Amino acid sequence: MRRQRHRTRGNKESNNNSKETVNTNLPPNAKVYQAGIDINTNIGEGFGPYRIEGEDEILPFVTSANIACGAHSGDPVIMEAALEETRYYGLTLGAHIGYPDLAGFGRRELHLSPTELRASILFQLGALSGLARTLGFDISQVRPHGFLYRQMMSDLRIALIVARAIAEFDKWLVLIGPAGPTLLNAGDRAGIRVAGEAWVDRVYDANGHLLPHTHSRSAIKNPQDILRQAMQLVHHGTVTSSEGTHVKIDFQTLHVHAKIPQAKLVCEQLRSIIPNACSLTSEPFNVDNETERMHLAYSE
């Protein structure tokens, strides 16, 4: 049964007359608008009494929200509250999955067997989907977190386990991940749509990979520089790497989050750069079973 994926956004109108601005020092002709880009963020990344401040402040300026599903962060109460906010702002719902690592926020190296990883992903998707359905909507996309996300930059085996688990749950879901051939290959083999992601506040190396969080230069901390990278992505489809070279990023969604310096202001101005931002959509497609059997099977 085909499910409805398009919803009317219920966002409050942003205040376009805000006196506070960030000067990007770019020429006017650099602000070329590109429609069809999703702007996604993560929410519900807390646990018990702990919360990430400012998550709700950027929701009026994004098009989709990925809710932590209880593995790297999140709990049932926080998830339900995040679902209410997602519905209030009319955002597309995403599941933010990760390794079961609350203490390390999903960023520590953790190696599960294929069976364990698959089961963990299905468990997280089931938890969020169950809560969402009580509010009358369902998951549309899935975004890995932390170490799992980093693995998907180059580890095809892990990317395939993730993609195939998502396909088992629902072939309509879009897998968001690091833009590049590994993500495309995994999605093609699993028979699901994928969306390459670009970060506005993270530094890339010359190969188009994000510098690890432990790197001293991994994050862009100046709001002007964050917007400058965002505008370079939208206008040229490139970023300036840590080595100073221009690297092509084939992306369909931009990632923002509440920990960006002056996050609300940056997201408001980012949305003005992409006034026709829209959510990701997906339709399932067939995978040749014989070809698929020749590619990869789960193995312990």
C-alpha atoms as a PDB file:
ATOM      1  CA  MET A   1       0.000   0.000   0.000  1.00  0.00           C
ATOM      2  CA  ARG A   2       1.417   3.328  -1.028  1.00  0.00           C
ATOM      3  CA  ARG A   3       1.744   5.718   1.882  1.00  0.00           C
ATOM      4  CA  GLN A   4       1.400   9.465   1.758  1.00  0.00           C
ATOM      5  CA  ARG A   5       4.759  11.141   2.247  1.00  0.00           C
ATOM      6  CA  HIS A   6       3.998  14.793   1.574  1.00  0.00           C
ATOM      7  CA  ARG A   7       2.638  16.947   4.369  1.00  0.00           C
ATOM      8  CA  THR A   8       1.858  20.629   4.653  1.00  0.00           C
ATOM      9  CA  ARG A   9       4.428  22.388   6.746  1.00  0.00           C
ATOM     10  CA  GLY A  10       3.051  24.013   9.855  1.00  0.00           C
ATOM     11  CA  ASN A  11       6.051  26.228  10.505  1.00  0.00           C
ATOM     12  CA  LYS A  12       5.648  29.553  12.153  1.00  0.00           C
ATOM     13  CA  GLU A  13       6.793  32.290   9.800  1.00  0.00           C
ATOM     14  CA  SER A  14      10.316  33.412  10.571  1.00  0.00           C
ATOM     15  CA  ASN A  15      10.991  37.051  11.296  1.00  0.00           C
ATOM     16  CA  ASN A  16      12.661  38.279   8.126  1.00  0.00           C
ATOM     17  CA  ASN A  17      13.088  41.736   9.644  1.00  0.00           C
ATOM     18  CA  SER A  18      15.536  40.549  12.255  1.00  0.00           C
ATOM     19  CA  LYS A  19      18.161  43.224  12.869  1.00  0.00           C
ATOM     20  CA  GLU A  20      20.848  40.692  13.696  1.00  0.00           C
ATOM     21  CA  THR A  21      22.750  39.393  10.673  1.00  0.00           C
ATOM     22  CA  VAL A  22      25.919  37.547   9.863  1.00  0.00           C
ATOM     23  CA  ASN A  23      28.110  39.160   7.228  1.00  0.00           C
ATOM     24  CA  THR A  24      29.474  36.487   4.914  1.00  0.00           C
ATOM     25  CA  ASN A  25      31.457  38.983   2.803  1.00  0.00           C
ATOM     26  CA  LEU A  26      30.442  37.168  -0.373  1.00  0.00           C
ATOM     27  CA  PRO A  27      29.446  38.983  -3.565  1.00  0.00           C
ATOM     28  CA  PRO A  28      25.696  39.173  -4.286  1.00  0.00           C
ATOM     29  CA  ASN A  29      25.975  36.887  -7.297  1.00  0.00           C
ATOM     30  CA  ALA A  30      27.177  34.086  -5.010  1.00  0.00           C
ATOM     31  CA  LYS A  31      23.700  33.811  -3.491  1.00  0.00           C
ATOM     32  CA  VAL A  32      22.235  31.573  -6.165  1.00  0.00           C
ATOM     33  CA  TYR A  33      19.239  29.714  -4.773  1.00  0.00           C
ATOM     34  CA  GLN A  34      18.953  26.001  -5.344  1.00  0.00           C
ATOM     35  CA  ALA A  35      15.566  24.404  -4.756  1.00  0.00           C
ATOM     36  CA  GLY A  36      15.054  20.762  -3.861  1.00  0.00           C
ATOM     37  CA  ILE A  37      17.480  20.672  -0.932  1.00  0.00           C
ATOM     38  CA  ASP A  38      16.404  19.188   2.377  1.00  0.00           C
ATOM     39  CA  ILE A  39      17.655  20.789   5.599  1.00  0.00           C
ATOM     40  CA  ASN A  40      17.778  18.204   8.367  1.00  0.00           C
ATOM     41  CA  THR A  41      18.558  18.348  12.057  1.00  0.00           C
ATOM     42  CA  ASN A  42      18.757  15.934  14.991  1.00  0.00           C
ATOM     43  CA  ILE A  43      16.517  16.295  18.015  1.00  0.00           C
ATOM     44  CA  GLY A  44      15.735  14.360  21.175  1.00  0.00           C
ATOM     45  CA  GLU A  45      19.417  13.793  21.896  1.00  0.00           C
ATOM     46  CA  GLY A  46      19.122  13.647  25.646  1.00  0.00           C
ATOM     47  CA  PHE A  47      18.430  11.066  28.303  1.00  0.00           C
ATOM     48  CA  GLY A  48      16.425  11.346  31.515  1.00  0.00           C
ATOM     49  CA  PRO A  49      16.970  14.873  32.893  1.00  0.00           C
ATOM     50  CA  TYR A  50      19.691  15.697  30.354  1.00  0.00           C
ATOM     51  CA  ARG A  51      18.770  17.743  27.285  1.00  0.00           C
ATOM     52  CA  ILE A  52      20.509  19.433  24.361  1.00  0.00           C
ATOM     53  CA  GLU A  53      19.693  23.124  24.630  1.00  0.00           C
ATOM     54  CA  GLY A  54      18.355  24.987  21.623  1.00  0.00           C
ATOM     55  CA  GLU A  55      17.041  22.033  19.599  1.00  0.00           C
ATOM     56  CA  ASP A  56      13.582  23.552  19.348  1.00  0.00           C
ATOM     57  CA  GLU A  57      14.900  26.995  18.336  1.00  0.00           C
ATOM     58  CA  ILE A  58      16.064  25.853  14.910  1.00  0.00           C
ATOM     59  CA  LEU A  59      13.025  23.734  14.028  1.00  0.00           C
ATOM     60  CA  PRO A  60      11.199  26.591  12.228  1.00  0.00           C
ATOM     61  CA  PHE A  61      14.031  26.746   9.683  1.00  0.00           C
ATOM     62  CA  VAL A  62      14.530  23.069   8.763  1.00  0.00           C
ATOM     63  CA  THR A  63      12.460  20.671   6.677  1.00  0.00           C
ATOM     64  CA  SER A  64      13.125  17.390   8.492  1.00  0.00           C
ATOM     65  CA  ALA A  65      13.984  16.257  12.012  1.00  0.00           C
ATOM     66  CA  ASN A  66      15.720  13.018  12.982  1.00  0.00           C
ATOM     67  CA  ILE A  67      14.797  11.790  16.449  1.00  0.00           C
ATOM     68  CA  ALA A  68      17.270   9.799  18.543  1.00  0.00           C
ATOM     69  CA  CYS A  69      15.868   6.317  19.117  1.00  0.00           C
ATOM     70  CA  GLY A  70      17.332   5.361  22.494  1.00  0.00           C
ATOM     71  CA  ALA A  71      20.648   3.792  21.496  1.00  0.00           C
ATOM     72  CA  HIS A  72      23.209   6.627  21.478  1.00  0.00           C
ATOM     73  CA  SER A  73      20.709   8.973  23.193  1.00  0.00           C
ATOM     74  CA  GLY A  74      16.993   9.481  23.723  1.00  0.00           C
ATOM     75  CA  ASP A  75      14.403   7.754  25.850  1.00  0.00           C
ATOM     76  CA  PRO A  76      10.644   7.140  25.397  1.00  0.00           C
ATOM     77  CA  VAL A  77       9.580  10.391  27.095  1.00  0.00           C
ATOM     78  CA  ILE A  78      12.057  12.530  25.151  1.00  0.00           C
ATOM     79  CA  MET A  79      11.177  10.737  21.920  1.00  0.00           C
ATOM     80  CA  GLU A  80       7.474  11.425  22.406  1.00  0.00           C
ATOM     81  CA  ALA A  81       8.111  15.111  23.138  1.00  0.00           C
ATOM     82  CA  ALA A  82      10.320  15.362  20.036  1.00  0.00           C
ATOM     83  CA  LEU A  83       7.587  13.739  17.962  1.00  0.00           C
ATOM     84  CA  GLU A  84       5.124  16.384  19.152  1.00  0.00           C
ATOM     85  CA  GLU A  85       7.516  19.135  18.057  1.00  0.00           C
ATOM     86  CA  THR A  86       8.096  17.453  14.709  1.00  0.00           C
ATOM     87  CA  ARG A  87       4.365  17.264  14.109  1.00  0.00           C
ATOM     88  CA  TYR A  88       3.792  20.852  15.284  1.00  0.00           C
ATOM     89  CA  TYR A  89       6.281  22.257  12.775  1.00  0.00           C
ATOM     90  CA  GLY A  90       5.095  19.982   9.966  1.00  0.00           C
ATOM     91  CA  LEU A  91       8.509  18.407   9.493  1.00  0.00           C
ATOM     92  CA  THR A  92       9.371  15.134   7.817  1.00  0.00           C
ATOM     93  CA  LEU A  93      10.189  12.551  10.465  1.00  0.00           C
ATOM     94  CA  GLY A  94      13.527  10.804  10.542  1.00  0.00           C
ATOM     95  CA  ALA A  95      14.952   8.101  12.797  1.00  0.00           C
ATOM     96  CA  HIS A  96      18.378   8.912  14.222  1.00  0.00           C
ATOM     97  CA  ILE A  97      19.997   5.526  14.790  1.00  0.00           C
ATOM     98  CA  GLY A  98      23.334   4.667  16.339  1.00  0.00           C
ATOM     99  CA  TYR A  99      25.299   2.110  18.272  1.00  0.00           C
ATOM    100  CA  PRO A 100      23.954   1.288  21.771  1.00  0.00           C
ATOM    101  CA  ASP A 101      26.412   3.570  23.553  1.00  0.00           C
ATOM    102  CA  LEU A 102      24.720   6.094  25.856  1.00  0.00           C
ATOM    103  CA  ALA A 103      27.886   6.722  27.855  1.00  0.00           C
ATOM    104  CA  GLY A 104      29.911   7.565  24.753  1.00  0.00           C
ATOM    105  CA  PHE A 105      27.094   9.300  22.850  1.00  0.00           C
ATOM    106  CA  GLY A 106      27.547   6.763  20.061  1.00  0.00           C
ATOM    107  CA  ARG A 107      30.933   8.163  19.069  1.00  0.00           C
ATOM    108  CA  ARG A 108      33.181   5.454  20.493  1.00  0.00           C
ATOM    109  CA  GLU A 109      34.344   2.572  18.358  1.00  0.00           C
ATOM    110  CA  LEU A 110      31.903  -0.262  18.869  1.00  0.00           C
ATOM    111  CA  HIS A 111      31.911  -3.372  16.712  1.00  0.00           C
ATOM    112  CA  LEU A 112      28.811  -5.546  16.630  1.00  0.00           C
ATOM    113  CA  SER A 113      28.231  -8.693  14.637  1.00  0.00           C
ATOM    114  CA  PRO A 114      26.024  -8.253  11.543  1.00  0.00           C
ATOM    115  CA  THR A 115      23.188  -9.986  13.400  1.00  0.00           C
ATOM    116  CA  GLU A 116      23.525  -7.676  16.402  1.00  0.00           C
ATOM    117  CA  LEU A 117      23.751  -4.522  14.300  1.00  0.00           C
ATOM    118  CA  ARG A 118      20.746  -5.480  12.173  1.00  0.00           C
ATOM    119  CA  ALA A 119      18.657  -6.280  15.249  1.00  0.00           C
ATOM    120  CA  SER A 120      19.670  -3.030  16.946  1.00  0.00           C
ATOM    121  CA  ILE A 121      18.640  -0.995  13.892  1.00  0.00           C
ATOM    122  CA  LEU A 122      15.277  -2.756  13.606  1.00  0.00           C
ATOM    123  CA  PHE A 123      14.708  -2.281  17.338  1.00  0.00           C
ATOM    124  CA  GLN A 124      15.331   1.462  17.105  1.00  0.00           C
ATOM    125  CA  LEU A 125      13.153   1.903  14.029  1.00  0.00           C
ATOM    126  CA  GLY A 126      10.357  -0.072  15.644  1.00  0.00           C
ATOM    127  CA  ALA A 127      10.473   2.009  18.820  1.00  0.00           C
ATOM    128  CA  LEU A 128      10.199   5.356  17.034  1.00  0.00           C
ATOM    129  CA  SER A 129       7.650   4.102  14.521  1.00  0.00           C
ATOM    130  CA  GLY A 130       5.434   2.752  17.294  1.00  0.00           C
ATOM    131  CA  LEU A 131       5.389   6.069  19.133  1.00  0.00           C
ATOM    132  CA  ALA A 132       4.920   8.047  15.900  1.00  0.00           C
ATOM    133  CA  ARG A 133       1.877   6.065  14.847  1.00  0.00           C
ATOM    134  CA  THR A 134       0.054   7.016  18.031  1.00  0.00           C
ATOM    135  CA  LEU A 135       0.341  10.606  16.780  1.00  0.00           C
ATOM    136  CA  GLY A 136      -0.811   9.756  13.278  1.00  0.00           C
ATOM    137  CA  PHE A 137       2.389   9.765  11.246  1.00  0.00           C
ATOM    138  CA  ASP A 138       5.416   7.625  10.479  1.00  0.00           C
ATOM    139  CA  ILE A 139       9.107   7.631   9.680  1.00  0.00           C
ATOM    140  CA  SER A 140      10.225   8.859   6.257  1.00  0.00           C
ATOM    141  CA  GLN A 141      14.016   8.779   6.556  1.00  0.00           C
ATOM    142  CA  VAL A 142      16.845   7.282   8.589  1.00  0.00           C
ATOM    143  CA  ARG A 143      20.110   8.960   9.544  1.00  0.00           C
ATOM    144  CA  PRO A 144      22.955   7.093  11.291  1.00  0.00           C
ATOM    145  CA  HIS A 145      24.909   8.783  14.070  1.00  0.00           C
ATOM    146  CA  GLY A 146      28.449   9.006  15.358  1.00  0.00           C
ATOM    147  CA  PHE A 147      30.773   6.065  14.769  1.00  0.00           C
ATOM    148  CA  LEU A 148      28.179   4.275  12.656  1.00  0.00           C
ATOM    149  CA  TYR A 149      27.939   7.343  10.417  1.00  0.00           C
ATOM    150  CA  ARG A 150      31.735   7.550  10.103  1.00  0.00           C
ATOM    151  CA  GLN A 151      31.956   3.869   9.177  1.00  0.00           C
ATOM    152  CA  MET A 152      29.530   4.474   6.317  1.00  0.00           C
ATOM    153  CA  MET A 153      31.973   6.878   4.659  1.00  0.00           C
ATOM    154  CA  SER A 154      34.094   4.014   3.400  1.00  0.00           C
ATOM    155  CA  ASP A 155      33.027   0.665   4.909  1.00  0.00           C
ATOM    156  CA  LEU A 156      30.682  -0.894   2.344  1.00  0.00           C
ATOM    157  CA  ARG A 157      30.022  -3.933   4.518  1.00  0.00           C
ATOM    158  CA  ILE A 158      28.621  -1.804   7.356  1.00  0.00           C
ATOM    159  CA  ALA A 159      26.727   0.444   4.946  1.00  0.00           C
ATOM    160  CA  LEU A 160      25.076  -2.617   3.396  1.00  0.00           C
ATOM    161  CA  ILE A 161      24.033  -4.015   6.761  1.00  0.00           C
ATOM    162  CA  VAL A 162      22.423  -0.671   7.601  1.00  0.00           C
ATOM    163  CA  ALA A 163      20.733  -0.322   4.209  1.00  0.00           C
ATOM    164  CA  ARG A 164      19.430  -3.881   4.149  1.00  0.00           C
ATOM    165  CA  ALA A 165      18.033  -3.594   7.678  1.00  0.00           C
ATOM    166  CA  ILE A 166      16.207  -0.412   6.678  1.00  0.00           C
ATOM    167  CA  ALA A 167      14.868  -2.134   3.555  1.00  0.00           C
ATOM    168  CA  GLU A 168      13.548  -4.991   5.704  1.00  0.00           C
ATOM    169  CA  PHE A 169      11.683  -2.508   7.861  1.00  0.00           C
ATOM    170  CA  ASP A 170      10.292  -0.328   5.064  1.00  0.00           C
ATOM    171  CA  LYS A 171      11.537   0.069   1.484  1.00  0.00           C
ATOM    172  CA  TRP A 172       9.984   3.558   1.366  1.00  0.00           C
ATOM    173  CA  LEU A 173      12.535   4.969   3.783  1.00  0.00           C
ATOM    174  CA  VAL A 174      15.352   7.235   2.607  1.00  0.00           C
ATOM    175  CA  LEU A 175      18.799   6.519   4.043  1.00  0.00           C
ATOM    176  CA  ILE A 176      20.731   9.725   4.781  1.00  0.00           C
ATOM    177  CA  GLY A 177      24.477   9.298   4.989  1.00  0.00           C
ATOM    178  CA  PRO A 178      27.862  10.681   4.019  1.00  0.00           C
ATOM    179  CA  ALA A 179      27.705  11.712   0.363  1.00  0.00           C
ATOM    180  CA  GLY A 180      29.801   9.394  -1.769  1.00  0.00           C
ATOM    181  CA  PRO A 181      30.006   6.086  -3.624  1.00  0.00           C
ATOM    182  CA  THR A 182      29.732   3.879  -0.529  1.00  0.00           C
ATOM    183  CA  LEU A 183      26.274   5.228   0.300  1.00  0.00           C
ATOM    184  CA  LEU A 184      25.117   5.017  -3.319  1.00  0.00           C
ATOM    185  CA  ASN A 185      26.374   1.440  -3.672  1.00  0.00           C
ATOM    186  CA  ALA A 186      24.694   0.309  -0.457  1.00  0.00           C
ATOM    187  CA  GLY A 187      21.374   1.880  -1.387  1.00  0.00           C
ATOM    188  CA  ASP A 188      21.461   0.381  -4.866  1.00  0.00           C
ATOM    189  CA  ARG A 189      22.126  -3.122  -3.588  1.00  0.00           C
ATOM    190  CA  ALA A 190      19.520  -2.915  -0.840  1.00  0.00           C
ATOM    191  CA  GLY A 191      16.886  -1.424  -3.131  1.00  0.00           C
ATOM    192  CA  ILE A 192      16.256   1.768  -1.152  1.00  0.00           C
ATOM    193  CA  ARG A 193      16.728   5.437  -1.946  1.00  0.00           C
ATOM    194  CA  VAL A 194      19.617   7.307  -0.385  1.00  0.00           C
ATOM    195  CA  ALA A 195      20.407  10.977   0.134  1.00  0.00           C
ATOM    196  CA  GLY A 196      23.959  12.257   0.319  1.00  0.00           C
ATOM    197  CA  GLU A 197      24.487  14.685   3.157  1.00  0.00           C
ATOM    198  CA  ALA A 198      26.722  17.730   3.497  1.00  0.00           C
ATOM    199  CA  TRP A 199      27.623  19.492   6.731  1.00  0.00           C
ATOM    200  CA  VAL A 200      27.740  23.270   6.969  1.00  0.00           C
ATOM    201  CA  ASP A 201      29.895  23.386  10.106  1.00  0.00           C
ATOM    202  CA  ARG A 202      32.339  20.511   9.669  1.00  0.00           C
ATOM    203  CA  VAL A 203      35.681  20.438   7.879  1.00  0.00           C
ATOM    204  CA  TYR A 204      36.329  17.970   5.053  1.00  0.00           C
ATOM    205  CA  ASP A 205      39.624  16.483   3.937  1.00  0.00           C
ATOM    206  CA  ALA A 206      40.819  16.361   0.330  1.00  0.00           C
ATOM    207  CA  ASN A 207      38.988  13.041  -0.214  1.00  0.00           C
ATOM    208  CA  GLY A 208      35.633  14.507   0.765  1.00  0.00           C
ATOM    209  CA  HIS A 209      35.577  12.794   4.179  1.00  0.00           C
ATOM    210  CA  LEU A 210      34.771  14.616   7.406  1.00  0.00           C
ATOM    211  CA  LEU A 211      37.667  15.160   9.765  1.00  0.00           C
ATOM    212  CA  PRO A 212      37.051  13.070  12.913  1.00  0.00           C
ATOM    213  CA  HIS A 213      35.558  14.772  15.975  1.00  0.00           C
ATOM    214  CA  THR A 214      38.864  14.294  17.784  1.00  0.00           C
ATOM    215  CA  HIS A 215      40.699  16.425  15.197  1.00  0.00           C
ATOM    216  CA  SER A 216      41.517  19.927  16.440  1.00  0.00           C
ATOM    217  CA  ARG A 217      40.118  21.467  13.238  1.00  0.00           C
ATOM    218  CA  SER A 218      37.080  19.234  12.782  1.00  0.00           C
ATOM    219  CA  ALA A 219      34.476  21.948  13.421  1.00  0.00           C
ATOM    220  CA  ILE A 220      33.944  25.399  11.918  1.00  0.00           C
ATOM    221  CA  LYS A 221      33.297  27.683  14.867  1.00  0.00           C
ATOM    222  CA  ASN A 222      32.780  31.075  13.255  1.00  0.00           C
ATOM    223  CA  PRO A 223      29.153  31.680  12.143  1.00  0.00           C
ATOM    224  CA  GLN A 224      30.323  33.692   9.138  1.00  0.00           C
ATOM    225  CA  ASP A 225      32.527  30.809   8.000  1.00  0.00           C
ATOM    226  CA  ILE A 226      29.668  28.339   8.527  1.00  0.00           C
ATOM    227  CA  LEU A 227      27.386  30.370   6.278  1.00  0.00           C
ATOM    228  CA  ARG A 228      30.179  30.823   3.777  1.00  0.00           C
ATOM    229  CA  GLN A 229      30.571  27.035   3.502  1.00  0.00           C
ATOM    230  CA  ALA A 230      26.800  26.638   3.222  1.00  0.00           C
ATOM    231  CA  MET A 231      26.649  29.135   0.376  1.00  0.00           C
ATOM    232  CA  GLN A 232      29.586  27.471  -1.370  1.00  0.00           C
ATOM    233  CA  LEU A 233      27.752  24.150  -1.162  1.00  0.00           C
ATOM    234  CA  VAL A 234      24.489  25.565  -2.488  1.00  0.00           C
ATOM    235  CA  HIS A 235      26.096  27.660  -5.227  1.00  0.00           C
ATOM    236  CA  HIS A 236      28.976  25.437  -6.344  1.00  0.00           C
ATOM    237  CA  GLY A 237      28.361  22.022  -4.785  1.00  0.00           C
ATOM    238  CA  THR A 238      31.830  22.124  -3.239  1.00  0.00           C
ATOM    239  CA  VAL A 239      33.630  22.703   0.046  1.00  0.00           C
ATOM    240  CA  THR A 240      37.117  23.990   0.697  1.00  0.00           C
ATOM    241  CA  SER A 241      39.027  21.113   2.273  1.00  0.00           C
ATOM    242  CA  SER A 242      41.463  21.278   5.182  1.00  0.00           C
ATOM    243  CA  GLU A 243      44.233  21.197   2.560  1.00  0.00           C
ATOM    244  CA  GLY A 244      42.762  24.204   0.767  1.00  0.00           C
ATOM    245  CA  THR A 245      41.450  22.335  -2.283  1.00  0.00           C
ATOM    246  CA  HIS A 246      37.889  22.494  -3.593  1.00  0.00           C
ATOM    247  CA  VAL A 247      36.126  19.147  -3.168  1.00  0.00           C
ATOM    248  CA  LYS A 248      32.878  18.216  -4.920  1.00  0.00           C
ATOM    249  CA  ILE A 249      30.085  17.032  -2.589  1.00  0.00           C
ATOM    250  CA  ASP A 250      27.096  15.419  -4.314  1.00  0.00           C
ATOM    251  CA  PHE A 251      24.443  16.106  -1.686  1.00  0.00           C
ATOM    252  CA  GLN A 252      20.670  16.267  -1.444  1.00  0.00           C
ATOM    253  CA  THR A 253      20.389  17.326   2.195  1.00  0.00           C
ATOM    254  CA  LEU A 254      22.240  19.762   4.454  1.00  0.00           C
ATOM    255  CA  HIS A 255      22.781  18.964   8.120  1.00  0.00           C
ATOM    256  CA  VAL A 256      22.487  21.549  10.885  1.00  0.00           C
ATOM    257  CA  HIS A 257      22.294  21.128  14.649  1.00  0.00           C
ATOM    258  CA  ALA A 258      21.722  23.046  17.854  1.00  0.00           C
ATOM    259  CA  LYS A 259      25.394  23.114  18.855  1.00  0.00           C
ATOM    260  CA  ILE A 260      26.382  25.345  15.924  1.00  0.00           C
ATOM    261  CA  PRO A 261      27.552  28.742  17.241  1.00  0.00           C
ATOM    262  CA  GLN A 262      24.593  31.141  17.037  1.00  0.00           C
ATOM    263  CA  ALA A 263      22.583  28.196  15.713  1.00  0.00           C
ATOM    264  CA  LYS A 264      19.222  29.950  15.462  1.00  0.00           C
ATOM    265  CA  LEU A 265      20.643  32.900  13.528  1.00  0.00           C
ATOM    266  CA  VAL A 266      22.712  30.671  11.228  1.00  0.00           C
ATOM    267  CA  CYS A 267      19.735  28.419  10.460  1.00  0.00           C
ATOM    268  CA  GLU A 268      17.448  31.390   9.829  1.00  0.00           C
ATOM    269  CA  GLN A 269      19.877  32.828   7.294  1.00  0.00           C
ATOM    270  CA  LEU A 270      20.530  29.411   5.771  1.00  0.00           C
ATOM    271  CA  ARG A 271      16.809  29.073   5.153  1.00  0.00           C
ATOM    272  CA  SER A 272      16.829  32.456   3.409  1.00  0.00           C
ATOM    273  CA  ILE A 273      19.561  31.116   1.116  1.00  0.00           C
ATOM    274  CA  ILE A 274      17.329  28.146   0.242  1.00  0.00           C
ATOM    275  CA  PRO A 275      13.782  29.555   0.338  1.00  0.00           C
ATOM    276  CA  ASN A 276      12.361  26.584  -1.562  1.00  0.00           C
ATOM    277  CA  ALA A 277      13.896  23.915   0.644  1.00  0.00           C
ATOM    278  CA  CYS A 278      11.857  20.717   0.625  1.00  0.00           C
ATOM    279  CA  SER A 279      11.794  17.323   2.262  1.00  0.00           C
ATOM    280  CA  LEU A 280      13.219  14.190   0.725  1.00  0.00           C
ATOM    281  CA  THR A 281      10.866  11.802  -1.065  1.00  0.00           C
ATOM    282  CA  SER A 282      11.241   8.168  -1.973  1.00  0.00           C
ATOM    283  CA  GLU A 283       9.730   5.382  -3.980  1.00  0.00           C
ATOM    284  CA  PRO A 284      10.906   1.776  -3.648  1.00  0.00           C
ATOM    285  CA  PHE A 285      12.508   0.091  -6.606  1.00  0.00           C
ATOM    286  CA  ASN A 286      13.286  -3.493  -7.511  1.00  0.00           C
ATOM    287  CA  VAL A 287      16.620  -5.169  -7.088  1.00  0.00           C
ATOM    288  CA  ASP A 288      17.520  -8.139  -9.261  1.00  0.00           C
ATOM    289  CA  ASN A 289      17.539 -11.001  -6.771  1.00  0.00           C
ATOM    290  CA  GLU A 290      20.146 -13.045  -8.615  1.00  0.00           C
ATOM    291  CA  THR A 291      22.475 -10.063  -8.843  1.00  0.00           C
ATOM    292  CA  GLU A 292      21.902  -9.257  -5.200  1.00  0.00           C
ATOM    293  CA  ARG A 293      22.807 -12.795  -4.106  1.00  0.00           C
ATOM    294  CA  MET A 294      26.132 -12.359  -5.890  1.00  0.00           C
ATOM    295  CA  HIS A 295      26.913  -9.164  -4.023  1.00  0.00           C
ATOM    296  CA  LEU A 296      26.790  -9.606  -0.277  1.00  0.00           C
ATOM    297  CA  ALA A 297      25.091 -11.789   2.285  1.00  0.00           C
ATOM    298  CA  TYR A 298      25.184 -11.241   6.018  1.00  0.00           C
ATOM    299  CA  SER A 299      28.008 -13.198   7.535  1.00  0.00           C
ATOM    300  CA  GLU A 300      29.124 -13.629  11.090  1.00  0.00           C
END
